[in-house]
Amino acid sequence: MAQVNSTVHRINVLQVVLLDASKATRITEKGQATIPKELRDKYDLSPGDEVIWKDTGDGIVVTKRTRTGGRGMLVPEETTEAEREEVAAELERRLRDRRDRNYRDE
């Protein structure tokens, strides 16, 4: 009996946590939705940022699209700055192509 009450308590706590993380907004006639300020601040979303909408089958997941300049890439120490920029540009192109494939009709 104590285990059942404990389980119910955990479910109630989980529901409260999920409700606190949820924010509701309306969709306009143009299909636009406002991202609540608390979430924009939490996920560092600014005007002009891009987000990716992914259908998971269970719902929609929205993630911030990030761009990289090749920071943190592993290249030999003797690589020149020009070569590093070339590698970074190629990595950015490949990443953009991979992400853009999500938008293509299949």
N, C-alpha and C. Protein backbone atom coordinates (compact mmCIF):
# COMPACT_ATOMS: atom_id res chain seq x y z
N MET A 1 0.82 -1.20 0.00
CA MET A 1 0.00 0.00 0.00
C MET A 1 0.86 1.25 0.00
N ALA A 2 1.94 1.24 0.79
CA ALA A 2 2.82 2.40 0.83
C ALA A 2 3.48 2.63 -0.53
N GLN A 3 3.77 1.56 -1.25
CA GLN A 3 4.41 1.69 -2.55
C GLN A 3 3.46 2.35 -3.55
N VAL A 4 2.19 2.03 -3.50
CA VAL A 4 1.21 2.64 -4.40
C VAL A 4 1.14 4.13 -4.15
N ASN A 5 1.06 4.55 -2.90
CA ASN A 5 1.00 5.97 -2.58
C ASN A 5 2.27 6.68 -3.04
N SER A 6 3.42 6.03 -2.87
CA SER A 6 4.68 6.61 -3.30
C SER A 6 4.69 6.80 -4.81
N THR A 7 4.20 5.82 -5.55
CA THR A 7 4.14 5.91 -7.00
C THR A 7 3.22 7.04 -7.43
N VAL A 8 2.07 7.13 -6.81
CA VAL A 8 1.12 8.21 -7.13
C VAL A 8 1.75 9.56 -6.86
N HIS A 9 2.45 9.66 -5.75
CA HIS A 9 3.12 10.93 -5.42
C HIS A 9 4.14 11.30 -6.49
N ARG A 10 4.93 10.33 -6.94
CA ARG A 10 5.93 10.62 -7.96
C ARG A 10 5.27 11.07 -9.26
N ILE A 11 4.18 10.45 -9.63
CA ILE A 11 3.47 10.85 -10.85
C ILE A 11 2.96 12.27 -10.72
N ASN A 12 2.40 12.60 -9.58
CA ASN A 12 1.90 13.96 -9.38
C ASN A 12 3.03 14.98 -9.46
N VAL A 13 4.17 14.68 -8.87
CA VAL A 13 5.31 15.59 -8.94
C VAL A 13 5.76 15.75 -10.38
N LEU A 14 5.83 14.66 -11.14
CA LEU A 14 6.23 14.72 -12.53
C LEU A 14 5.25 15.59 -13.32
N GLN A 15 3.95 15.45 -13.08
CA GLN A 15 2.97 16.26 -13.78
C GLN A 15 3.16 17.74 -13.47
N VAL A 16 3.45 18.07 -12.23
CA VAL A 16 3.66 19.46 -11.85
C VAL A 16 4.89 20.01 -12.56
N VAL A 17 5.98 19.23 -12.61
CA VAL A 17 7.20 19.67 -13.29
C VAL A 17 6.91 19.90 -14.77
N LEU A 18 6.20 18.99 -15.41
CA LEU A 18 5.89 19.14 -16.83
C LEU A 18 5.00 20.36 -17.06
N LEU A 19 4.03 20.59 -16.20
CA LEU A 19 3.16 21.75 -16.36
C LEU A 19 3.94 23.05 -16.19
N ASP A 20 4.90 23.08 -15.26
CA ASP A 20 5.69 24.28 -15.05
C ASP A 20 6.56 24.59 -16.26
N ALA A 21 7.01 23.56 -17.01
CA ALA A 21 7.88 23.75 -18.16
C ALA A 21 7.09 24.12 -19.42
N SER A 22 5.77 23.97 -19.38
CA SER A 22 4.94 24.22 -20.56
C SER A 22 4.50 25.67 -20.62
N LYS A 23 4.45 26.18 -21.82
CA LYS A 23 3.96 27.53 -22.07
C LYS A 23 3.04 27.45 -23.28
N ALA A 24 1.95 28.16 -23.26
CA ALA A 24 1.00 28.12 -24.38
C ALA A 24 1.01 29.44 -25.12
N THR A 25 0.96 29.38 -26.44
CA THR A 25 0.81 30.56 -27.28
C THR A 25 -0.16 30.20 -28.40
N ARG A 26 -0.66 31.20 -29.09
CA ARG A 26 -1.59 30.97 -30.19
C ARG A 26 -0.87 31.07 -31.53
N ILE A 27 -1.40 30.37 -32.50
CA ILE A 27 -0.89 30.43 -33.86
C ILE A 27 -1.69 31.50 -34.60
N THR A 28 -0.99 32.41 -35.31
CA THR A 28 -1.68 33.45 -36.06
C THR A 28 -2.18 32.89 -37.39
N GLU A 29 -2.95 33.69 -38.12
CA GLU A 29 -3.45 33.27 -39.43
C GLU A 29 -2.31 32.98 -40.40
N LYS A 30 -1.18 33.63 -40.19
CA LYS A 30 -0.01 33.39 -41.04
C LYS A 30 0.82 32.19 -40.58
N GLY A 31 0.37 31.50 -39.53
CA GLY A 31 1.09 30.33 -39.04
C GLY A 31 2.23 30.67 -38.10
N GLN A 32 2.26 31.90 -37.59
CA GLN A 32 3.34 32.32 -36.71
C GLN A 32 2.96 32.06 -35.25
N ALA A 33 3.96 31.76 -34.45
CA ALA A 33 3.76 31.55 -33.01
C ALA A 33 4.85 32.32 -32.26
N THR A 34 4.49 32.87 -31.13
CA THR A 34 5.46 33.57 -30.29
C THR A 34 6.08 32.59 -29.32
N ILE A 35 7.39 32.62 -29.23
CA ILE A 35 8.09 31.80 -28.23
C ILE A 35 8.11 32.61 -26.94
N PRO A 36 7.60 32.05 -25.85
CA PRO A 36 7.55 32.80 -24.59
C PRO A 36 8.93 33.32 -24.19
N LYS A 37 8.95 34.51 -23.59
CA LYS A 37 10.20 35.17 -23.22
C LYS A 37 11.08 34.29 -22.33
N GLU A 38 10.46 33.60 -21.37
CA GLU A 38 11.25 32.75 -20.48
C GLU A 38 12.02 31.70 -21.27
N LEU A 39 11.40 31.14 -22.30
CA LEU A 39 12.07 30.11 -23.11
C LEU A 39 13.10 30.74 -24.05
N ARG A 40 12.79 31.94 -24.59
CA ARG A 40 13.79 32.63 -25.44
C ARG A 40 15.04 32.92 -24.62
N ASP A 41 14.85 33.39 -23.40
CA ASP A 41 16.00 33.69 -22.53
C ASP A 41 16.75 32.41 -22.17
N LYS A 42 16.02 31.38 -21.78
CA LYS A 42 16.65 30.12 -21.35
C LYS A 42 17.48 29.49 -22.47
N TYR A 43 16.98 29.54 -23.71
CA TYR A 43 17.65 28.88 -24.83
C TYR A 43 18.39 29.86 -25.73
N ASP A 44 18.59 31.08 -25.25
CA ASP A 44 19.38 32.09 -25.96
C ASP A 44 18.87 32.29 -27.40
N LEU A 45 17.56 32.48 -27.55
CA LEU A 45 16.95 32.73 -28.85
C LEU A 45 16.77 34.23 -29.03
N SER A 46 17.26 34.75 -30.16
CA SER A 46 17.20 36.17 -30.45
C SER A 46 16.55 36.38 -31.81
N PRO A 47 16.04 37.59 -32.08
CA PRO A 47 15.48 37.85 -33.41
C PRO A 47 16.49 37.51 -34.50
N GLY A 48 16.04 36.82 -35.53
CA GLY A 48 16.91 36.42 -36.62
C GLY A 48 17.45 35.01 -36.47
N ASP A 49 17.40 34.44 -35.24
CA ASP A 49 17.84 33.06 -35.06
C ASP A 49 16.89 32.13 -35.81
N GLU A 50 17.42 31.01 -36.24
CA GLU A 50 16.60 30.01 -36.92
C GLU A 50 16.32 28.87 -35.95
N VAL A 51 15.11 28.28 -36.08
CA VAL A 51 14.76 27.10 -35.31
C VAL A 51 14.39 26.00 -36.29
N ILE A 52 14.59 24.77 -35.86
CA ILE A 52 14.26 23.61 -36.67
C ILE A 52 13.04 22.94 -36.04
N TRP A 53 12.02 22.67 -36.85
CA TRP A 53 10.79 22.02 -36.41
C TRP A 53 10.88 20.56 -36.86
N LYS A 54 10.84 19.64 -35.92
CA LYS A 54 10.97 18.22 -36.25
C LYS A 54 9.74 17.47 -35.75
N ASP A 55 9.11 16.71 -36.67
CA ASP A 55 7.97 15.87 -36.32
C ASP A 55 8.50 14.55 -35.80
N THR A 56 8.23 14.24 -34.54
CA THR A 56 8.75 13.02 -33.94
C THR A 56 7.75 11.88 -33.98
N GLY A 57 6.54 12.14 -34.46
CA GLY A 57 5.49 11.14 -34.40
C GLY A 57 4.70 11.26 -33.11
N ASP A 58 5.35 11.70 -32.04
CA ASP A 58 4.67 11.94 -30.76
C ASP A 58 4.35 13.42 -30.58
N GLY A 59 4.85 14.25 -31.46
CA GLY A 59 4.64 15.68 -31.35
C GLY A 59 5.73 16.41 -32.11
N ILE A 60 5.84 17.69 -31.85
CA ILE A 60 6.81 18.53 -32.54
C ILE A 60 7.91 18.92 -31.56
N VAL A 61 9.15 18.82 -32.02
CA VAL A 61 10.30 19.26 -31.22
C VAL A 61 10.90 20.44 -31.96
N VAL A 62 11.14 21.53 -31.24
CA VAL A 62 11.74 22.73 -31.83
C VAL A 62 13.12 22.90 -31.22
N THR A 63 14.14 23.03 -32.08
CA THR A 63 15.50 23.25 -31.58
C THR A 63 16.11 24.45 -32.29
N LYS A 64 17.03 25.09 -31.62
CA LYS A 64 17.73 26.23 -32.20
C LYS A 64 18.74 25.73 -33.21
N ARG A 65 18.74 26.33 -34.39
CA ARG A 65 19.75 26.00 -35.39
C ARG A 65 21.00 26.78 -35.03
N THR A 66 22.11 26.08 -34.92
CA THR A 66 23.36 26.74 -34.55
C THR A 66 24.31 26.73 -35.73
N ARG A 67 25.12 27.73 -35.79
CA ARG A 67 26.14 27.83 -36.83
C ARG A 67 27.50 27.79 -36.14
N THR A 68 28.42 27.12 -36.78
CA THR A 68 29.76 27.04 -36.19
C THR A 68 30.77 27.62 -37.15
N GLY A 69 31.82 28.12 -36.63
CA GLY A 69 32.90 28.63 -37.46
C GLY A 69 34.10 27.69 -37.44
N GLY A 70 33.84 26.43 -37.14
CA GLY A 70 34.91 25.45 -37.08
C GLY A 70 35.69 25.53 -35.78
N ARG A 71 35.12 26.20 -34.78
CA ARG A 71 35.80 26.29 -33.49
C ARG A 71 35.91 24.91 -32.89
N GLY A 72 37.05 24.61 -32.33
CA GLY A 72 37.24 23.34 -31.67
C GLY A 72 37.54 22.19 -32.61
N MET A 73 37.72 22.50 -33.90
CA MET A 73 38.01 21.41 -34.84
C MET A 73 39.44 20.92 -34.63
N LEU A 74 39.63 19.66 -34.93
CA LEU A 74 40.94 19.06 -34.76
C LEU A 74 41.71 19.11 -36.07
N VAL A 75 42.71 19.94 -36.11
CA VAL A 75 43.60 20.05 -37.27
C VAL A 75 45.02 20.10 -36.72
N PRO A 76 45.98 19.71 -37.52
CA PRO A 76 47.36 19.78 -37.04
C PRO A 76 47.74 21.20 -36.61
N GLU A 77 48.60 21.30 -35.63
CA GLU A 77 49.02 22.58 -35.08
C GLU A 77 49.63 23.51 -36.13
N GLU A 78 50.32 22.92 -37.12
CA GLU A 78 51.00 23.74 -38.13
C GLU A 78 50.05 24.24 -39.23
N THR A 79 48.76 23.94 -39.12
CA THR A 79 47.79 24.40 -40.11
C THR A 79 47.70 25.92 -40.08
N THR A 80 47.80 26.55 -41.26
CA THR A 80 47.73 28.01 -41.31
C THR A 80 46.31 28.49 -41.05
N GLU A 81 46.19 29.78 -40.74
CA GLU A 81 44.87 30.37 -40.49
C GLU A 81 43.98 30.25 -41.74
N ALA A 82 44.55 30.47 -42.91
CA ALA A 82 43.79 30.36 -44.16
C ALA A 82 43.27 28.94 -44.35
N GLU A 83 44.11 27.95 -44.06
CA GLU A 83 43.68 26.55 -44.18
C GLU A 83 42.59 26.22 -43.17
N ARG A 84 42.72 26.75 -41.95
CA ARG A 84 41.70 26.54 -40.93
C ARG A 84 40.37 27.13 -41.37
N GLU A 85 40.40 28.32 -41.96
CA GLU A 85 39.17 28.95 -42.43
C GLU A 85 38.54 28.15 -43.57
N GLU A 86 39.39 27.60 -44.43
CA GLU A 86 38.89 26.76 -45.53
C GLU A 86 38.22 25.50 -44.99
N VAL A 87 38.85 24.85 -44.01
CA VAL A 87 38.27 23.66 -43.40
C VAL A 87 36.96 24.02 -42.70
N ALA A 88 36.95 25.13 -41.98
CA ALA A 88 35.74 25.56 -41.27
C ALA A 88 34.60 25.83 -42.26
N ALA A 89 34.90 26.47 -43.39
CA ALA A 89 33.87 26.76 -44.39
C ALA A 89 33.31 25.47 -44.97
N GLU A 90 34.18 24.50 -45.23
CA GLU A 90 33.72 23.21 -45.76
C GLU A 90 32.86 22.47 -44.75
N LEU A 91 33.26 22.48 -43.48
CA LEU A 91 32.47 21.84 -42.43
C LEU A 91 31.11 22.51 -42.30
N GLU A 92 31.08 23.84 -42.37
CA GLU A 92 29.82 24.58 -42.28
C GLU A 92 28.91 24.22 -43.46
N ARG A 93 29.48 24.11 -44.67
CA ARG A 93 28.69 23.75 -45.86
C ARG A 93 28.09 22.36 -45.70
N ARG A 94 28.91 21.41 -45.23
CA ARG A 94 28.42 20.04 -45.04
C ARG A 94 27.33 19.97 -43.99
N LEU A 95 27.53 20.71 -42.91
CA LEU A 95 26.54 20.73 -41.83
C LEU A 95 25.23 21.34 -42.32
N ARG A 96 25.32 22.46 -43.06
CA ARG A 96 24.13 23.12 -43.61
C ARG A 96 23.39 22.18 -44.56
N ASP A 97 24.15 21.49 -45.43
CA ASP A 97 23.54 20.54 -46.37
C ASP A 97 22.81 19.43 -45.64
N ARG A 98 23.45 18.90 -44.60
CA ARG A 98 22.83 17.83 -43.82
C ARG A 98 21.55 18.32 -43.15
N ARG A 99 21.59 19.50 -42.57
CA ARG A 99 20.40 20.05 -41.91
C ARG A 99 19.31 20.37 -42.92
N ASP A 100 19.69 20.91 -44.07
CA ASP A 100 18.69 21.28 -45.08
C ASP A 100 17.97 20.07 -45.65
N ARG A 101 18.61 18.90 -45.61
CA ARG A 101 17.95 17.68 -46.08
C ARG A 101 16.68 17.39 -45.29
N ASN A 102 16.62 17.87 -44.06
CA ASN A 102 15.41 17.68 -43.23
C ASN A 102 14.22 18.42 -43.81
N TYR A 103 14.46 19.45 -44.63
CA TYR A 103 13.38 20.27 -45.17
C TYR A 103 12.92 19.82 -46.54
N ARG A 104 13.66 18.95 -47.18
CA ARG A 104 13.31 18.51 -48.52
C ARG A 104 12.14 17.55 -48.49
N ASP A 105 11.28 17.63 -49.48
CA ASP A 105 10.18 16.67 -49.61
C ASP A 105 10.75 15.34 -50.08
N GLU A 106 10.30 14.31 -49.44
CA GLU A 106 10.77 12.98 -49.83
C GLU A 106 9.62 12.12 -50.23
